[in-house]
Each structure stands twice: as structure tokens, then as C-alpha cells.
Amino acid sequence: MIEAAQIKAARALLGLGQVELAKLAGVGLTTLKRIELSEEVTGSARTLWNIQTALEAAGVEFIPADDEKGPGRRLRRKKAKPAKTVGGKPIQSKM
């Protein structure tokens, strides 16, 4: 389960405000604010799932805690676009 600090940090990575995330996740703004302010994340599993899913869809990957490190988050790498080719040969851009 994601933690409040992960939600805030993920929003910061994406440059999203609370209003924007609440809309993307389909949750109330007051609910999101309450979750982010809590020491221990409380809320329905569906609400937390909606928030996590919205952040993941926007490009955040949540990293679970292990024996040595706490939980974290990072942006997923964007897949490299394949090089444009003509007849199997790469097209060089003109600059």
C-alpha cells in the first residue's frame, strides 16, 4: 500500500497539484488532502487504489520497501522511439 509521503512525492515528480490529482483519481479534494496529511494512511482501499492507479498512469512507478530501504517512487523511463528508416536505412535529420 502506498504511503502519504509517496503520494506527495509522486505529485511533485509529475508537477501535479492536489486539485489535478483528485480529478485524475476521481476522489474528493478533501479526501486527498486528509490522506496526504495523515501519519498513517487511512481511507478505503478503493480510494487509495484510485490515487495509486492515477499516478502510475501518469508515469510514476512505486517501489516497495525492503529490509534495507524504505518505500520510494520514480518516473518510468519513456520508451525510445524507433529510428525512422527508409528501405531499412536510418534517415539522418538535417540540422
Protein backbone atom coordinates (compact mmCIF):
# COMPACT_ATOMS: atom_id res chain seq x y z
CA MET A 1 0.00 0.00 0.00
CA ILE A 2 1.32 3.46 -0.83
CA GLU A 3 2.18 5.95 1.91
CA ALA A 4 1.22 9.61 2.22
CA ALA A 5 4.80 10.73 1.60
CA GLN A 6 4.89 8.69 -1.62
CA ILE A 7 1.70 10.35 -2.86
CA LYS A 8 3.07 13.85 -2.22
CA ALA A 9 6.44 12.99 -3.75
CA ALA A 10 4.82 11.41 -6.81
CA ARG A 11 2.69 14.53 -7.32
CA ALA A 12 5.86 16.63 -7.13
CA LEU A 13 7.63 14.44 -9.72
CA LEU A 14 4.73 14.98 -12.09
CA GLY A 15 4.21 18.64 -11.25
CA LEU A 16 0.60 17.99 -10.25
CA GLY A 17 -1.37 19.94 -7.69
CA GLN A 18 -3.82 18.34 -5.31
CA VAL A 19 -6.79 19.52 -7.37
CA GLU A 20 -5.37 17.92 -10.53
CA LEU A 21 -4.62 14.61 -8.83
CA ALA A 22 -8.02 14.50 -7.15
CA LYS A 23 -9.67 14.89 -10.57
CA LEU A 24 -7.42 12.29 -12.21
CA ALA A 25 -8.08 9.81 -9.41
CA GLY A 26 -11.79 10.54 -9.15
CA VAL A 27 -11.58 11.31 -5.43
CA GLY A 28 -12.63 14.33 -3.45
CA LEU A 29 -10.09 17.08 -2.85
CA THR A 30 -10.77 16.99 0.90
CA THR A 31 -10.18 13.23 0.91
CA LEU A 32 -6.84 13.60 -0.88
CA LYS A 33 -5.74 16.38 1.50
CA ARG A 34 -6.67 14.25 4.52
CA ILE A 35 -4.74 11.26 3.20
CA GLU A 36 -1.64 13.34 2.43
CA LEU A 37 -1.67 14.94 5.90
CA SER A 38 -2.07 11.70 7.83
CA GLU A 39 0.84 9.99 9.60
CA GLU A 40 -0.68 6.63 8.78
CA VAL A 41 -2.59 6.35 5.53
CA THR A 42 -6.25 5.80 6.18
CA GLY A 43 -9.02 5.60 3.66
CA SER A 44 -10.85 3.00 1.72
CA ALA A 45 -8.81 0.57 -0.32
CA ARG A 46 -10.69 1.76 -3.43
CA THR A 47 -9.72 5.39 -2.81
CA LEU A 48 -6.06 4.54 -2.30
CA TRP A 49 -6.14 2.29 -5.36
CA ASN A 50 -7.64 5.11 -7.46
CA ILE A 51 -4.89 7.50 -6.35
CA GLN A 52 -2.11 4.99 -6.97
CA THR A 53 -3.54 3.98 -10.35
CA ALA A 54 -3.84 7.62 -11.48
CA LEU A 55 -0.24 8.33 -10.51
CA GLU A 56 1.01 5.18 -12.23
CA ALA A 57 -0.94 6.02 -15.38
CA ALA A 58 0.77 9.42 -15.37
CA GLY A 59 4.20 7.75 -15.28
CA VAL A 60 5.11 7.10 -11.65
CA GLU A 61 6.44 3.74 -10.52
CA PHE A 62 6.13 2.93 -6.81
CA ILE A 63 8.98 1.00 -5.21
CA PRO A 64 8.10 -1.18 -2.21
CA ALA A 65 10.17 -1.11 0.98
CA ASP A 66 12.57 -3.94 1.70
CA ASP A 67 14.81 -4.95 4.61
CA GLU A 68 17.37 -2.23 3.83
CA LYS A 69 15.42 0.64 2.33
CA GLY A 70 12.09 2.34 2.76
CA PRO A 71 9.43 2.77 0.08
CA GLY A 72 10.05 5.10 -2.81
CA ARG A 73 8.88 6.27 -6.20
CA ARG A 74 10.40 7.16 -9.55
CA LEU A 75 9.35 8.16 -13.03
CA ARG A 76 9.19 5.39 -15.56
CA ARG A 77 11.52 5.76 -18.48
CA LYS A 78 9.83 6.68 -21.68
CA LYS A 79 10.34 4.09 -24.36
CA ALA A 80 12.73 5.23 -27.02
CA LYS A 81 11.07 5.94 -30.31
CA PRO A 82 12.30 3.72 -33.11
CA ALA A 83 14.56 5.43 -35.60
CA LYS A 84 12.89 6.45 -38.82
CA THR A 85 14.08 4.39 -41.74
CA VAL A 86 13.62 4.22 -45.47
CA GLY A 87 14.39 0.91 -47.09
CA GLY A 88 15.97 -0.32 -43.86
CA LYS A 89 18.45 2.59 -43.72
CA PRO A 90 18.21 5.26 -40.97
CA ILE A 91 17.14 8.74 -42.03
CA GLN A 92 19.51 11.44 -40.82
CA SER A 93 17.90 14.64 -39.62
CA LYS A 94 19.05 17.88 -41.20
CA MET A 95 20.24 20.49 -38.74
